[in-house]
C-alpha atoms as a PDB file:
ATOM      1  CA  MET A   1       5.682  40.346  93.575  1.00  0.00           C
ATOM      2  CA  ALA A   2       8.782  41.714  95.254  1.00  0.00           C
ATOM      3  CA  ARG A   3      10.976  39.221  97.035  1.00  0.00           C
ATOM      4  CA  PRO A   4      10.695  35.546  96.079  1.00  0.00           C
ATOM      5  CA  VAL A   5       7.846  33.580  97.634  1.00  0.00           C
ATOM      6  CA  LYS A   6       9.164  30.472  99.364  1.00  0.00           C
ATOM      7  CA  ILE A   7       6.921  27.422  99.081  1.00  0.00           C
ATOM      8  CA  LEU A   8       7.422  24.009 100.656  1.00  0.00           C
ATOM      9  CA  LEU A   9       5.353  21.084  99.430  1.00  0.00           C
ATOM     10  CA  ALA A  10       5.525  17.863 101.469  1.00  0.00           C
ATOM     11  CA  GLY A  11       3.791  14.558 100.890  1.00  0.00           C
ATOM     12  CA  GLU A  12       4.178  10.846 100.575  1.00  0.00           C
ATOM     13  CA  GLY A  13       6.024   9.565  97.529  1.00  0.00           C
ATOM     14  CA  GLY A  14       3.458   9.197  94.760  1.00  0.00           C
ATOM     15  CA  GLN A  15       1.240  12.083  95.902  1.00  0.00           C
ATOM     16  CA  GLY A  16       2.672  14.310  93.187  1.00  0.00           C
ATOM     17  CA  VAL A  17       4.359  17.085  95.169  1.00  0.00           C
ATOM     18  CA  GLN A  18       7.369  17.032  92.817  1.00  0.00           C
ATOM     19  CA  ALA A  19       5.119  17.350  89.769  1.00  0.00           C
ATOM     20  CA  VAL A  20       3.298  20.300  91.337  1.00  0.00           C
ATOM     21  CA  ALA A  21       6.601  22.005  92.165  1.00  0.00           C
ATOM     22  CA  GLU A  22       7.902  21.485  88.631  1.00  0.00           C
ATOM     23  CA  ILE A  23       4.729  22.911  87.091  1.00  0.00           C
ATOM     24  CA  ILE A  24       4.875  26.020  89.297  1.00  0.00           C
ATOM     25  CA  ALA A  25       8.549  26.656  88.529  1.00  0.00           C
ATOM     26  CA  GLU A  26       8.146  25.986  84.808  1.00  0.00           C
ATOM     27  CA  ALA A  27       5.073  28.210  84.455  1.00  0.00           C
ATOM     28  CA  ALA A  28       6.769  31.073  86.298  1.00  0.00           C
ATOM     29  CA  TYR A  29       9.979  30.719  84.277  1.00  0.00           C
ATOM     30  CA  GLU A  30       8.050  30.665  80.980  1.00  0.00           C
ATOM     31  CA  LYS A  31       6.538  34.044  81.935  1.00  0.00           C
ATOM     32  CA  GLY A  32       9.955  35.563  82.605  1.00  0.00           C
ATOM     33  CA  ARG A  33       9.969  35.336  86.400  1.00  0.00           C
ATOM     34  CA  GLU A  34      12.751  34.068  88.574  1.00  0.00           C
ATOM     35  CA  ALA A  35      11.951  30.483  89.593  1.00  0.00           C
ATOM     36  CA  LEU A  36      13.799  27.734  91.397  1.00  0.00           C
ATOM     37  CA  TYR A  37      12.752  24.205  92.327  1.00  0.00           C
ATOM     38  CA  ILE A  38      14.790  21.829  94.504  1.00  0.00           C
ATOM     39  CA  PRO A  39      13.468  18.283  95.066  1.00  0.00           C
ATOM     40  CA  ASN A  40      14.257  16.397  98.260  1.00  0.00           C
ATOM     41  CA  PHE A  41      13.269  12.766  98.572  1.00  0.00           C
ATOM     42  CA  GLY A  42      14.721   9.507  99.766  1.00  0.00           C
ATOM     43  CA  ILE A  43      15.584   6.501  97.674  1.00  0.00           C
ATOM     44  CA  GLU A  44      11.967   5.400  97.558  1.00  0.00           C
ATOM     45  CA  GLN A  45       9.913   6.976  94.828  1.00  0.00           C
ATOM     46  CA  ARG A  46       6.744   5.727  96.459  1.00  0.00           C
ATOM     47  CA  GLY A  47       6.250   5.285 100.161  1.00  0.00           C
ATOM     48  CA  GLY A  48       8.763   7.801 101.531  1.00  0.00           C
ATOM     49  CA  VAL A  49       8.173  11.443 102.395  1.00  0.00           C
ATOM     50  CA  SER A  50       9.006  13.804  99.560  1.00  0.00           C
ATOM     51  CA  LEU A  51       9.767  17.515  99.947  1.00  0.00           C
ATOM     52  CA  ALA A  52       9.826  20.115  97.192  1.00  0.00           C
ATOM     53  CA  PHE A  53      11.315  23.580  97.748  1.00  0.00           C
ATOM     54  CA  VAL A  54      10.035  26.194  95.277  1.00  0.00           C
ATOM     55  CA  GLN A  55      10.844  29.895  95.038  1.00  0.00           C
ATOM     56  CA  VAL A  56       9.211  32.297  92.607  1.00  0.00           C
ATOM     57  CA  GLY A  57       9.740  36.035  92.369  1.00  0.00           C
ATOM     58  CA  ASP A  58      10.715  39.014  90.287  1.00  0.00           C
ATOM     59  CA  GLU A  59      14.070  39.531  91.994  1.00  0.00           C
ATOM     60  CA  PRO A  60      17.067  37.187  91.769  1.00  0.00           C
ATOM     61  CA  ILE A  61      16.794  34.202  94.091  1.00  0.00           C
ATOM     62  CA  GLY A  62      19.536  33.724  96.665  1.00  0.00           C
ATOM     63  CA  PRO A  63      20.321  30.368  98.241  1.00  0.00           C
ATOM     64  CA  PRO A  64      18.446  27.545  96.518  1.00  0.00           C
ATOM     65  CA  ARG A  65      17.238  26.003  99.761  1.00  0.00           C
ATOM     66  CA  PHE A  66      15.515  28.117 102.366  1.00  0.00           C
ATOM     67  CA  GLU A  67      15.205  27.800 106.116  1.00  0.00           C
ATOM     68  CA  THR A  68      11.647  29.110 106.510  1.00  0.00           C
ATOM     69  CA  ALA A  69       8.765  28.791 104.050  1.00  0.00           C
ATOM     70  CA  ASP A  70       6.196  31.505 103.455  1.00  0.00           C
ATOM     71  CA  LEU A  71       3.736  28.753 102.553  1.00  0.00           C
ATOM     72  CA  ALA A  72       4.062  25.107 103.593  1.00  0.00           C
ATOM     73  CA  ILE A  73       1.656  22.423 102.421  1.00  0.00           C
ATOM     74  CA  ALA A  74       1.657  18.968 104.052  1.00  0.00           C
ATOM     75  CA  LEU A  75      -0.379  16.149 102.572  1.00  0.00           C
ATOM     76  CA  SER A  76       0.156  13.410 105.180  1.00  0.00           C
ATOM     77  CA  ASP A  77       0.940  12.973 108.873  1.00  0.00           C
ATOM     78  CA  ARG A  78       4.568  12.084 108.119  1.00  0.00           C
ATOM     79  CA  ALA A  79       4.827  15.088 105.780  1.00  0.00           C
ATOM     80  CA  VAL A  80       3.678  17.357 108.626  1.00  0.00           C
ATOM     81  CA  VAL A  81       6.509  16.070 110.801  1.00  0.00           C
ATOM     82  CA  ARG A  82       9.112  16.370 107.993  1.00  0.00           C
ATOM     83  CA  SER A  83       8.069  19.933 107.143  1.00  0.00           C
ATOM     84  CA  ARG A  84       8.165  21.333 110.695  1.00  0.00           C
ATOM     85  CA  PRO A  85      11.858  22.364 110.559  1.00  0.00           C
ATOM     86  CA  TYR A  86      11.032  24.695 107.635  1.00  0.00           C
ATOM     87  CA  VAL A  87       8.169  26.663 109.205  1.00  0.00           C
ATOM     88  CA  GLY A  88       8.186  29.713 111.455  1.00  0.00           C
ATOM     89  CA  PRO A  89       6.068  32.604 112.730  1.00  0.00           C
ATOM     90  CA  GLU A  90       5.531  34.025 109.215  1.00  0.00           C
ATOM     91  CA  THR A  91       4.540  30.684 107.637  1.00  0.00           C
ATOM     92  CA  THR A  92       1.052  29.842 106.491  1.00  0.00           C
ATOM     93  CA  PHE A  93       0.740  26.092 107.029  1.00  0.00           C
ATOM     94  CA  ILE A  94      -1.805  24.277 104.878  1.00  0.00           C
ATOM     95  CA  TYR A  95      -2.694  20.659 105.533  1.00  0.00           C
ATOM     96  CA  ASP A  96      -5.222  18.220 104.180  1.00  0.00           C
ATOM     97  CA  SER A  97      -8.198  17.999 106.522  1.00  0.00           C
ATOM     98  CA  SER A  98      -7.907  14.187 106.571  1.00  0.00           C
ATOM     99  CA  ILE A  99      -4.693  14.550 108.608  1.00  0.00           C
ATOM    100  CA  GLY A 100      -4.848  14.299 112.369  1.00  0.00           C
ATOM    101  CA  THR A 101      -4.034  17.507 114.196  1.00  0.00           C
ATOM    102  CA  ASN A 102      -1.725  15.942 116.810  1.00  0.00           C
ATOM    103  CA  HIS A 103       1.531  16.825 115.056  1.00  0.00           C
ATOM    104  CA  LEU A 104       0.662  20.179 113.486  1.00  0.00           C
ATOM    105  CA  PRO A 105       3.338  22.827 114.019  1.00  0.00           C
ATOM    106  CA  GLN A 106       2.869  25.489 116.655  1.00  0.00           C
ATOM    107  CA  GLY A 107       3.928  29.117 116.318  1.00  0.00           C
ATOM    108  CA  VAL A 108       3.037  29.583 112.644  1.00  0.00           C
ATOM    109  CA  ALA A 109       1.122  32.564 111.263  1.00  0.00           C
ATOM    110  CA  ARG A 110      -1.871  30.472 110.189  1.00  0.00           C
ATOM    111  CA  LEU A 111      -3.006  26.842 110.154  1.00  0.00           C
ATOM    112  CA  VAL A 112      -5.464  26.110 107.357  1.00  0.00           C
ATOM    113  CA  ALA A 113      -7.207  22.779 106.723  1.00  0.00           C
ATOM    114  CA  VAL A 114      -8.195  22.020 103.124  1.00  0.00           C
ATOM    115  CA  PRO A 115     -10.321  18.969 102.182  1.00  0.00           C
ATOM    116  CA  ALA A 116      -8.416  18.252  98.951  1.00  0.00           C
ATOM    117  CA  ILE A 117      -8.328  14.453  99.217  1.00  0.00           C
ATOM    118  CA  GLU A 118     -12.032  14.232 100.027  1.00  0.00           C
ATOM    119  CA  VAL A 119     -13.068  16.678  97.303  1.00  0.00           C
ATOM    120  CA  SER A 120     -10.921  15.015  94.644  1.00  0.00           C
ATOM    121  CA  LYS A 121     -12.463  11.619  95.452  1.00  0.00           C
ATOM    122  CA  LYS A 122     -16.066  12.843  95.621  1.00  0.00           C
ATOM    123  CA  GLU A 123     -16.146  15.455  92.856  1.00  0.00           C
ATOM    124  CA  LEU A 124     -13.361  14.755  90.374  1.00  0.00           C
ATOM    125  CA  HIS A 125     -10.955  11.803  90.483  1.00  0.00           C
ATOM    126  CA  PRO A 126      -8.325  10.783  93.062  1.00  0.00           C
ATOM    127  CA  ARG A 127      -5.526  11.046  90.502  1.00  0.00           C
ATOM    128  CA  VAL A 128      -5.993  14.834  90.175  1.00  0.00           C
ATOM    129  CA  PHE A 129      -5.550  15.396  93.902  1.00  0.00           C
ATOM    130  CA  ASN A 130      -2.105  16.929  93.310  1.00  0.00           C
ATOM    131  CA  VAL A 131      -3.486  19.267  90.631  1.00  0.00           C
ATOM    132  CA  MET A 132      -5.999  20.516  93.207  1.00  0.00           C
ATOM    133  CA  ILE A 133      -3.027  21.225  95.498  1.00  0.00           C
ATOM    134  CA  LEU A 134      -1.483  23.198  92.626  1.00  0.00           C
ATOM    135  CA  GLY A 135      -4.676  25.250  92.507  1.00  0.00           C
ATOM    136  CA  ALA A 136      -4.491  25.815  96.273  1.00  0.00           C
ATOM    137  CA  VAL A 137      -0.926  27.136  95.951  1.00  0.00           C
ATOM    138  CA  ILE A 138      -2.044  29.475  93.164  1.00  0.00           C
ATOM    139  CA  GLY A 139      -5.008  30.681  95.193  1.00  0.00           C
ATOM    140  CA  LEU A 140      -2.884  31.382  98.250  1.00  0.00           C
ATOM    141  CA  THR A 141       0.202  32.913  96.637  1.00  0.00           C
ATOM    142  CA  GLY A 142      -0.616  34.167  93.144  1.00  0.00           C
ATOM    143  CA  VAL A 143       2.886  33.122  92.022  1.00  0.00           C
ATOM    144  CA  ILE A 144       1.344  32.010  88.724  1.00  0.00           C
ATOM    145  CA  THR A 145      -2.122  32.386  87.251  1.00  0.00           C
ATOM    146  CA  VAL A 146      -4.617  29.614  86.640  1.00  0.00           C
ATOM    147  CA  GLU A 147      -4.086  30.072  82.887  1.00  0.00           C
ATOM    148  CA  GLU A 148      -0.300  29.801  83.281  1.00  0.00           C
ATOM    149  CA  ALA A 149      -0.804  26.599  85.278  1.00  0.00           C
ATOM    150  CA  LYS A 150      -3.067  25.174  82.588  1.00  0.00           C
ATOM    151  CA  GLU A 151      -0.467  25.993  79.918  1.00  0.00           C
ATOM    152  CA  ALA A 152       2.253  24.243  81.955  1.00  0.00           C
ATOM    153  CA  ILE A 153       0.007  21.221  82.516  1.00  0.00           C
ATOM    154  CA  GLU A 154      -0.642  21.125  78.775  1.00  0.00           C
ATOM    155  CA  ARG A 155       3.105  21.109  78.054  1.00  0.00           C
ATOM    156  CA  ARG A 156       3.628  18.332  80.598  1.00  0.00           C
ATOM    157  CA  LEU A 157       0.587  16.151  79.850  1.00  0.00           C
ATOM    158  CA  GLY A 158      -0.513  17.179  76.370  1.00  0.00           C
ATOM    159  CA  HIS A 159       0.452  13.799  74.922  1.00  0.00           C
ATOM    160  CA  ARG A 160      -1.957  12.106  77.371  1.00  0.00           C
ATOM    161  CA  PHE A 161      -4.697  14.603  76.571  1.00  0.00           C
ATOM    162  CA  GLU A 162      -4.458  13.678  72.889  1.00  0.00           C
ATOM    163  CA  LYS A 163      -5.289  10.068  73.793  1.00  0.00           C
ATOM    164  CA  ASP A 164      -7.987  11.001  76.309  1.00  0.00           C
ATOM    165  CA  PRO A 165      -9.351  14.552  75.870  1.00  0.00           C
ATOM    166  CA  ALA A 166     -11.502  14.223  79.014  1.00  0.00           C
ATOM    167  CA  LEU A 167      -8.272  14.299  81.053  1.00  0.00           C
ATOM    168  CA  ARG A 168      -7.628  17.878  79.942  1.00  0.00           C
ATOM    169  CA  GLU A 169     -10.955  19.076  81.332  1.00  0.00           C
ATOM    170  CA  LEU A 170     -10.471  17.028  84.505  1.00  0.00           C
ATOM    171  CA  ASN A 171      -7.067  18.623  85.173  1.00  0.00           C
ATOM    172  CA  HIS A 172      -8.294  22.123  84.349  1.00  0.00           C
ATOM    173  CA  ARG A 173     -11.256  21.706  86.681  1.00  0.00           C
ATOM    174  CA  ALA A 174      -8.944  20.375  89.423  1.00  0.00           C
ATOM    175  CA  VAL A 175      -6.790  23.534  89.266  1.00  0.00           C
ATOM    176  CA  GLU A 176      -9.872  25.732  89.444  1.00  0.00           C
ATOM    177  CA  ARG A 177     -11.366  23.688  92.287  1.00  0.00           C
ATOM    178  CA  GLY A 178      -8.103  23.943  94.265  1.00  0.00           C
ATOM    179  CA  VAL A 179      -8.279  27.737  93.998  1.00  0.00           C
ATOM    180  CA  GLU A 180     -11.893  27.628  95.190  1.00  0.00           C
ATOM    181  CA  LEU A 181     -10.968  25.480  98.208  1.00  0.00           C
ATOM    182  CA  VAL A 182      -8.675  28.169  99.630  1.00  0.00           C
ATOM    183  CA  LYS A 183     -10.729  31.205  98.698  1.00  0.00           C
ATOM    184  CA  GLY A 184     -11.289  33.261 101.836  1.00  0.00           C
ATOM    185  CA  LYS A 185      -9.005  31.047 103.948  1.00  0.00           C
ATOM    186  CA  LEU A 186      -6.455  33.793 104.615  1.00  0.00           C
END
């Protein structure tokens, strides 16, 4: 990986975009890569739109906030609108397929619908929806590996896994399933 990959995650408060961003940055940093994560959210922790700016690379990272994302992921209609200022002709724009297409940005490199909400509800559990998004980011960018993501999830949630070991497998499967959802999409 040459220059840093610029990733924007956008969703409603409570959808876990900040947790996903933290896991990506932590996993990359633990493996000796340059990594930067900048949260951006309003005073509401739930109910407002939350943005997370992540950069991962092998070269030093310049300004902490970027103007144009390489990859933007929007998880709600309002998140699509909030993320539009950060996309351009080189951006791959990923959105959950449950979102209406009325407000999707124009002039991006690619628009890709991913059924993450539906798949998490039908196959896994709604609370691992954000971990599936983590898998989608991994599958599209390769900024960290699935194993590095699992290690970072373990560091973050290991105490919960001790109480309920089934949660570990659920989260691991969600990462893998997120990768599968975007396979062949680019």
